[in-house]
Amino acid sequence: PLTAKGSVVAFMERNTGDIIAKNDASIKKQIEQGIEKYEKLKDDASVADATRRLVDFENDLLMQKQEALKDPNIGYRNYEEKVLQPSINKFRESLLRSNYSSRVMPRIMQSADIEFGNMIRAERVDRVAKATEENIAVLSKAADQLLLTEDKYEEGVKQYNEMVENGYITTVTRDKSISEANKTYFNNVTKNITSQQQIENLRNNPRFLSM
């Protein structure tokens, strides 16, 4: 019957339509998944590239630092202001101008800013350490000058003891410095000995006996 035939045709048309619709949905889903995978791959590559550039930047900066510290116009006191911070600013701008997607740029810049902060903090710690070392050297030199005299020797020892108490140096460093100063002092004294009495006086010198 015509009605039966029409029903079969309608049924087949509906099935065909459903199959086409399902195929279209499947293809669309595959395309979307493919795009997502591509974007993730692109983002991962961007993060890896930014990380590599940051490592190269830090390594290059470490090599340049040695030369910068030798420059009398820079040195360790002005390194952060004249070299480190300007270099960081320049590199940061280069990252922002990079062709990284907006999806991943915030993550890249957050990681970079954390590393920049670590670099600056490390430099400030290093600067304090160098300044402390320099100041200790100045104090030690002043104490040594006193140790090389006859009448201000005890004052020099006192200064070294105060450096130990303040935590600037260890007792081992203090004792070694005083010992070296004593050797220098008595070497100078023996060069000017001209009598047996001076030799006896030297042998009975408490400072000499303490050695």
C-alpha atoms as a PDB file:
ATOM      1  CA  PRO A   1       0.000   0.000   0.000  1.00  0.00           C
ATOM      2  CA  LEU A   2       1.010   3.516  -0.617  1.00  0.00           C
ATOM      3  CA  THR A   3       0.637   4.411   3.006  1.00  0.00           C
ATOM      4  CA  ALA A   4       2.932   1.581   4.078  1.00  0.00           C
ATOM      5  CA  LYS A   5       5.504   2.537   1.491  1.00  0.00           C
ATOM      6  CA  GLY A   6       5.306   6.133   2.607  1.00  0.00           C
ATOM      7  CA  SER A   7       5.850   5.086   6.200  1.00  0.00           C
ATOM      8  CA  VAL A   8       8.960   3.115   5.289  1.00  0.00           C
ATOM      9  CA  VAL A   9      10.387   6.025   3.330  1.00  0.00           C
ATOM     10  CA  ALA A  10       9.678   8.410   6.171  1.00  0.00           C
ATOM     11  CA  PHE A  11      11.272   6.010   8.621  1.00  0.00           C
ATOM     12  CA  MET A  12      14.405   5.709   6.452  1.00  0.00           C
ATOM     13  CA  GLU A  13      14.599   9.438   6.033  1.00  0.00           C
ATOM     14  CA  ARG A  14      14.372   9.918   9.791  1.00  0.00           C
ATOM     15  CA  ASN A  15      17.088   7.302  10.385  1.00  0.00           C
ATOM     16  CA  THR A  16      19.311   8.845   7.751  1.00  0.00           C
ATOM     17  CA  GLY A  17      18.778  12.246   9.309  1.00  0.00           C
ATOM     18  CA  ASP A  18      19.626  10.886  12.748  1.00  0.00           C
ATOM     19  CA  ILE A  19      22.796   9.236  11.435  1.00  0.00           C
ATOM     20  CA  ILE A  20      23.884  12.409   9.666  1.00  0.00           C
ATOM     21  CA  ALA A  21      23.177  14.455  12.792  1.00  0.00           C
ATOM     22  CA  LYS A  22      25.128  12.004  14.959  1.00  0.00           C
ATOM     23  CA  ASN A  23      28.009  12.011  12.510  1.00  0.00           C
ATOM     24  CA  ASP A  24      28.015  15.796  12.438  1.00  0.00           C
ATOM     25  CA  ALA A  25      28.080  15.914  16.256  1.00  0.00           C
ATOM     26  CA  SER A  26      30.897  13.368  16.381  1.00  0.00           C
ATOM     27  CA  ILE A  27      32.946  15.249  13.807  1.00  0.00           C
ATOM     28  CA  LYS A  28      32.312  18.519  15.616  1.00  0.00           C
ATOM     29  CA  LYS A  29      33.403  16.957  18.911  1.00  0.00           C
ATOM     30  CA  GLN A  30      36.569  15.552  17.315  1.00  0.00           C
ATOM     31  CA  ILE A  31      37.376  18.950  15.842  1.00  0.00           C
ATOM     32  CA  GLU A  32      36.860  20.625  19.216  1.00  0.00           C
ATOM     33  CA  GLN A  33      39.062  18.040  20.937  1.00  0.00           C
ATOM     34  CA  GLY A  34      41.709  18.505  18.261  1.00  0.00           C
ATOM     35  CA  ILE A  35      41.655  22.269  18.763  1.00  0.00           C
ATOM     36  CA  GLU A  36      41.900  21.829  22.549  1.00  0.00           C
ATOM     37  CA  LYS A  37      44.893  19.503  22.187  1.00  0.00           C
ATOM     38  CA  TYR A  38      46.579  21.908  19.799  1.00  0.00           C
ATOM     39  CA  GLU A  39      46.023  24.866  22.101  1.00  0.00           C
ATOM     40  CA  LYS A  40      47.333  22.899  25.106  1.00  0.00           C
ATOM     41  CA  LEU A  41      50.387  21.844  23.113  1.00  0.00           C
ATOM     42  CA  LYS A  42      50.963  25.428  22.032  1.00  0.00           C
ATOM     43  CA  ASP A  43      50.593  26.676  25.625  1.00  0.00           C
ATOM     44  CA  ASP A  44      52.983  24.016  26.967  1.00  0.00           C
ATOM     45  CA  ALA A  45      55.512  24.977  24.295  1.00  0.00           C
ATOM     46  CA  SER A  46      55.134  28.649  25.254  1.00  0.00           C
ATOM     47  CA  VAL A  47      55.774  27.904  28.946  1.00  0.00           C
ATOM     48  CA  ALA A  48      58.811  25.787  28.048  1.00  0.00           C
ATOM     49  CA  ASP A  49      60.159  28.531  25.787  1.00  0.00           C
ATOM     50  CA  ALA A  50      59.681  31.210  28.453  1.00  0.00           C
ATOM     51  CA  THR A  51      61.361  28.995  31.055  1.00  0.00           C
ATOM     52  CA  ARG A  52      64.344  28.405  28.759  1.00  0.00           C
ATOM     53  CA  ARG A  53      64.677  32.131  28.079  1.00  0.00           C
ATOM     54  CA  LEU A  54      64.553  32.889  31.805  1.00  0.00           C
ATOM     55  CA  VAL A  55      67.297  30.345  32.567  1.00  0.00           C
ATOM     56  CA  ASP A  56      69.463  31.789  29.768  1.00  0.00           C
ATOM     57  CA  PHE A  57      68.843  35.295  31.115  1.00  0.00           C
ATOM     58  CA  GLU A  58      69.953  34.343  34.628  1.00  0.00           C
ATOM     59  CA  ASN A  59      73.069  32.557  33.361  1.00  0.00           C
ATOM     60  CA  ASP A  60      74.069  35.485  31.151  1.00  0.00           C
ATOM     61  CA  LEU A  61      73.516  37.892  34.034  1.00  0.00           C
ATOM     62  CA  LEU A  62      75.747  35.836  36.337  1.00  0.00           C
ATOM     63  CA  MET A  63      78.560  35.969  33.797  1.00  0.00           C
ATOM     64  CA  GLN A  64      78.164  39.717  33.308  1.00  0.00           C
ATOM     65  CA  LYS A  65      78.063  40.325  37.060  1.00  0.00           C
ATOM     66  CA  GLN A  66      81.743  39.501  37.540  1.00  0.00           C
ATOM     67  CA  GLU A  67      82.745  42.233  35.106  1.00  0.00           C
ATOM     68  CA  ALA A  68      80.243  44.687  36.559  1.00  0.00           C
ATOM     69  CA  LEU A  69      81.648  44.209  40.063  1.00  0.00           C
ATOM     70  CA  LYS A  70      85.104  45.129  38.776  1.00  0.00           C
ATOM     71  CA  ASP A  71      83.800  48.436  37.424  1.00  0.00           C
ATOM     72  CA  PRO A  72      84.577  51.182  39.988  1.00  0.00           C
ATOM     73  CA  ASN A  73      81.405  53.008  38.945  1.00  0.00           C
ATOM     74  CA  ILE A  74      79.257  49.995  39.785  1.00  0.00           C
ATOM     75  CA  GLY A  75      80.724  47.512  42.275  1.00  0.00           C
ATOM     76  CA  TYR A  76      78.591  45.466  44.609  1.00  0.00           C
ATOM     77  CA  ARG A  77      77.031  48.566  46.171  1.00  0.00           C
ATOM     78  CA  ASN A  78      75.422  49.806  42.919  1.00  0.00           C
ATOM     79  CA  TYR A  79      74.985  46.521  41.060  1.00  0.00           C
ATOM     80  CA  GLU A  80      71.271  46.132  41.816  1.00  0.00           C
ATOM     81  CA  GLU A  81      70.383  49.680  40.812  1.00  0.00           C
ATOM     82  CA  LYS A  82      72.636  50.058  37.760  1.00  0.00           C
ATOM     83  CA  VAL A  83      72.680  46.541  36.307  1.00  0.00           C
ATOM     84  CA  LEU A  84      70.308  43.989  37.851  1.00  0.00           C
ATOM     85  CA  GLN A  85      67.061  45.973  37.985  1.00  0.00           C
ATOM     86  CA  PRO A  86      67.437  47.534  34.498  1.00  0.00           C
ATOM     87  CA  SER A  87      68.255  44.102  33.046  1.00  0.00           C
ATOM     88  CA  ILE A  88      65.197  42.574  34.696  1.00  0.00           C
ATOM     89  CA  ASN A  89      62.959  45.373  33.417  1.00  0.00           C
ATOM     90  CA  LYS A  90      64.250  44.946  29.867  1.00  0.00           C
ATOM     91  CA  PHE A  91      63.837  41.161  29.902  1.00  0.00           C
ATOM     92  CA  ARG A  92      60.365  41.435  31.423  1.00  0.00           C
ATOM     93  CA  GLU A  93      59.275  43.736  28.612  1.00  0.00           C
ATOM     94  CA  SER A  94      60.605  41.247  26.063  1.00  0.00           C
ATOM     95  CA  LEU A  95      58.452  38.525  27.647  1.00  0.00           C
ATOM     96  CA  LEU A  96      55.365  40.729  27.479  1.00  0.00           C
ATOM     97  CA  ARG A  97      56.005  41.428  23.794  1.00  0.00           C
ATOM     98  CA  SER A  98      56.334  37.718  23.029  1.00  0.00           C
ATOM     99  CA  ASN A  99      53.738  35.937  20.919  1.00  0.00           C
ATOM    100  CA  TYR A 100      52.367  33.912  23.829  1.00  0.00           C
ATOM    101  CA  SER A 101      48.602  33.430  24.004  1.00  0.00           C
ATOM    102  CA  SER A 102      46.475  35.292  26.516  1.00  0.00           C
ATOM    103  CA  ARG A 103      45.612  31.904  28.020  1.00  0.00           C
ATOM    104  CA  VAL A 104      49.171  31.289  29.210  1.00  0.00           C
ATOM    105  CA  MET A 105      50.758  34.765  29.459  1.00  0.00           C
ATOM    106  CA  PRO A 106      49.540  35.438  33.049  1.00  0.00           C
ATOM    107  CA  ARG A 107      51.059  32.137  34.212  1.00  0.00           C
ATOM    108  CA  ILE A 108      54.360  32.885  32.483  1.00  0.00           C
ATOM    109  CA  MET A 109      54.597  36.391  33.940  1.00  0.00           C
ATOM    110  CA  GLN A 110      53.661  35.229  37.436  1.00  0.00           C
ATOM    111  CA  SER A 111      56.452  32.640  37.417  1.00  0.00           C
ATOM    112  CA  ALA A 112      58.908  35.154  35.959  1.00  0.00           C
ATOM    113  CA  ASP A 113      58.050  37.831  38.557  1.00  0.00           C
ATOM    114  CA  ILE A 114      58.561  35.330  41.364  1.00  0.00           C
ATOM    115  CA  GLU A 115      61.994  34.482  39.959  1.00  0.00           C
ATOM    116  CA  PHE A 116      62.859  38.167  39.522  1.00  0.00           C
ATOM    117  CA  GLY A 117      61.976  38.744  43.176  1.00  0.00           C
ATOM    118  CA  ASN A 118      64.207  35.845  44.212  1.00  0.00           C
ATOM    119  CA  MET A 119      67.081  37.275  42.175  1.00  0.00           C
ATOM    120  CA  ILE A 120      66.751  40.698  43.812  1.00  0.00           C
ATOM    121  CA  ARG A 121      66.528  39.221  47.324  1.00  0.00           C
ATOM    122  CA  ALA A 122      69.588  37.037  46.693  1.00  0.00           C
ATOM    123  CA  GLU A 123      71.527  40.059  45.454  1.00  0.00           C
ATOM    124  CA  ARG A 124      70.617  42.077  48.548  1.00  0.00           C
ATOM    125  CA  VAL A 125      71.757  39.252  50.824  1.00  0.00           C
ATOM    126  CA  ASP A 126      75.006  39.063  48.858  1.00  0.00           C
ATOM    127  CA  ARG A 127      75.462  42.824  49.107  1.00  0.00           C
ATOM    128  CA  VAL A 128      75.012  42.762  52.877  1.00  0.00           C
ATOM    129  CA  ALA A 129      77.498  39.886  53.144  1.00  0.00           C
ATOM    130  CA  LYS A 130      80.086  41.770  51.074  1.00  0.00           C
ATOM    131  CA  ALA A 131      79.558  44.993  53.021  1.00  0.00           C
ATOM    132  CA  THR A 132      79.904  43.078  56.297  1.00  0.00           C
ATOM    133  CA  GLU A 133      83.086  41.429  55.062  1.00  0.00           C
ATOM    134  CA  GLU A 134      84.468  44.798  54.011  1.00  0.00           C
ATOM    135  CA  ASN A 135      83.649  46.419  57.353  1.00  0.00           C
ATOM    136  CA  ILE A 136      85.185  43.515  59.269  1.00  0.00           C
ATOM    137  CA  ALA A 137      88.347  43.910  57.190  1.00  0.00           C
ATOM    138  CA  VAL A 138      88.489  47.595  58.134  1.00  0.00           C
ATOM    139  CA  LEU A 139      88.021  46.814  61.837  1.00  0.00           C
ATOM    140  CA  SER A 140      90.617  44.033  61.689  1.00  0.00           C
ATOM    141  CA  LYS A 141      93.163  46.277  60.011  1.00  0.00           C
ATOM    142  CA  ALA A 142      92.667  48.959  62.663  1.00  0.00           C
ATOM    143  CA  ALA A 143      93.079  46.375  65.450  1.00  0.00           C
ATOM    144  CA  ASP A 144      96.218  44.985  63.766  1.00  0.00           C
ATOM    145  CA  GLN A 145      97.779  48.437  63.744  1.00  0.00           C
ATOM    146  CA  LEU A 146      97.258  48.648  67.498  1.00  0.00           C
ATOM    147  CA  LEU A 147      98.697  45.157  68.039  1.00  0.00           C
ATOM    148  CA  LEU A 148     101.909  46.208  66.295  1.00  0.00           C
ATOM    149  CA  THR A 149     102.570  48.869  68.933  1.00  0.00           C
ATOM    150  CA  GLU A 150     104.005  48.561  72.426  1.00  0.00           C
ATOM    151  CA  ASP A 151     101.633  50.788  74.362  1.00  0.00           C
ATOM    152  CA  LYS A 152      98.328  50.092  72.568  1.00  0.00           C
ATOM    153  CA  TYR A 153      98.574  46.321  72.296  1.00  0.00           C
ATOM    154  CA  GLU A 154      95.867  45.664  74.908  1.00  0.00           C
ATOM    155  CA  GLU A 155      93.531  48.028  73.084  1.00  0.00           C
ATOM    156  CA  GLY A 156      94.011  46.005  69.922  1.00  0.00           C
ATOM    157  CA  VAL A 157      93.229  42.770  71.770  1.00  0.00           C
ATOM    158  CA  LYS A 158      90.136  44.425  73.221  1.00  0.00           C
ATOM    159  CA  GLN A 159      88.924  45.383  69.772  1.00  0.00           C
ATOM    160  CA  TYR A 160      89.335  41.805  68.554  1.00  0.00           C
ATOM    161  CA  ASN A 161      87.435  40.523  71.597  1.00  0.00           C
ATOM    162  CA  GLU A 162      84.596  42.941  70.865  1.00  0.00           C
ATOM    163  CA  MET A 163      84.459  41.669  67.269  1.00  0.00           C
ATOM    164  CA  VAL A 164      84.033  38.141  68.636  1.00  0.00           C
ATOM    165  CA  GLU A 165      81.345  39.254  71.087  1.00  0.00           C
ATOM    166  CA  ASN A 166      79.431  40.990  68.277  1.00  0.00           C
ATOM    167  CA  GLY A 167      79.569  37.854  66.166  1.00  0.00           C
ATOM    168  CA  TYR A 168      81.697  39.402  63.421  1.00  0.00           C
ATOM    169  CA  ILE A 169      84.488  36.837  63.690  1.00  0.00           C
ATOM    170  CA  THR A 170      85.176  33.537  65.454  1.00  0.00           C
ATOM    171  CA  THR A 171      87.602  33.004  68.329  1.00  0.00           C
ATOM    172  CA  VAL A 172      89.805  31.004  65.945  1.00  0.00           C
ATOM    173  CA  THR A 173      90.081  33.996  63.600  1.00  0.00           C
ATOM    174  CA  ARG A 174      90.803  36.318  66.519  1.00  0.00           C
ATOM    175  CA  ASP A 175      93.549  34.111  67.954  1.00  0.00           C
ATOM    176  CA  LYS A 176      95.153  33.629  64.555  1.00  0.00           C
ATOM    177  CA  SER A 177      95.131  37.381  63.860  1.00  0.00           C
ATOM    178  CA  ILE A 178      96.658  38.223  67.246  1.00  0.00           C
ATOM    179  CA  SER A 179      99.293  35.514  66.798  1.00  0.00           C
ATOM    180  CA  GLU A 180     100.268  36.816  63.360  1.00  0.00           C
ATOM    181  CA  ALA A 181     100.460  40.385  64.671  1.00  0.00           C
ATOM    182  CA  ASN A 182     102.673  39.241  67.562  1.00  0.00           C
ATOM    183  CA  LYS A 183     105.048  37.472  65.176  1.00  0.00           C
ATOM    184  CA  THR A 184     105.333  40.596  63.058  1.00  0.00           C
ATOM    185  CA  TYR A 185     105.875  42.773  66.118  1.00  0.00           C
ATOM    186  CA  PHE A 186     108.652  40.628  67.590  1.00  0.00           C
ATOM    187  CA  ASN A 187     110.320  40.176  64.218  1.00  0.00           C
ATOM    188  CA  ASN A 188     110.594  43.949  64.085  1.00  0.00           C
ATOM    189  CA  VAL A 189     111.832  44.122  67.681  1.00  0.00           C
ATOM    190  CA  THR A 190     114.597  41.543  67.178  1.00  0.00           C
ATOM    191  CA  LYS A 191     115.980  43.500  64.223  1.00  0.00           C
ATOM    192  CA  ASN A 192     116.823  46.357  66.596  1.00  0.00           C
ATOM    193  CA  ILE A 193     118.380  44.303  69.432  1.00  0.00           C
ATOM    194  CA  THR A 194     121.954  45.398  70.134  1.00  0.00           C
ATOM    195  CA  SER A 195     122.638  44.027  73.640  1.00  0.00           C
ATOM    196  CA  GLN A 196     122.319  40.941  75.811  1.00  0.00           C
ATOM    197  CA  GLN A 197     120.078  42.868  78.193  1.00  0.00           C
ATOM    198  CA  GLN A 198     117.584  43.514  75.407  1.00  0.00           C
ATOM    199  CA  ILE A 199     117.521  39.772  74.693  1.00  0.00           C
ATOM    200  CA  GLU A 200     116.817  39.047  78.379  1.00  0.00           C
ATOM    201  CA  ASN A 201     114.097  41.681  78.437  1.00  0.00           C
ATOM    202  CA  LEU A 202     112.536  40.064  75.369  1.00  0.00           C
ATOM    203  CA  ARG A 203     112.605  36.599  76.974  1.00  0.00           C
ATOM    204  CA  ASN A 204     110.790  37.928  80.030  1.00  0.00           C
ATOM    205  CA  ASN A 205     108.248  39.961  78.074  1.00  0.00           C
ATOM    206  CA  PRO A 206     104.745  38.643  79.030  1.00  0.00           C
ATOM    207  CA  ARG A 207     103.563  39.219  75.505  1.00  0.00           C
ATOM    208  CA  PHE A 208     106.497  37.217  74.136  1.00  0.00           C
ATOM    209  CA  LEU A 209     105.899  34.434  76.680  1.00  0.00           C
ATOM    210  CA  SER A 210     102.213  34.271  75.699  1.00  0.00           C
ATOM    211  CA  MET A 211     103.269  33.121  72.265  1.00  0.00           C
END
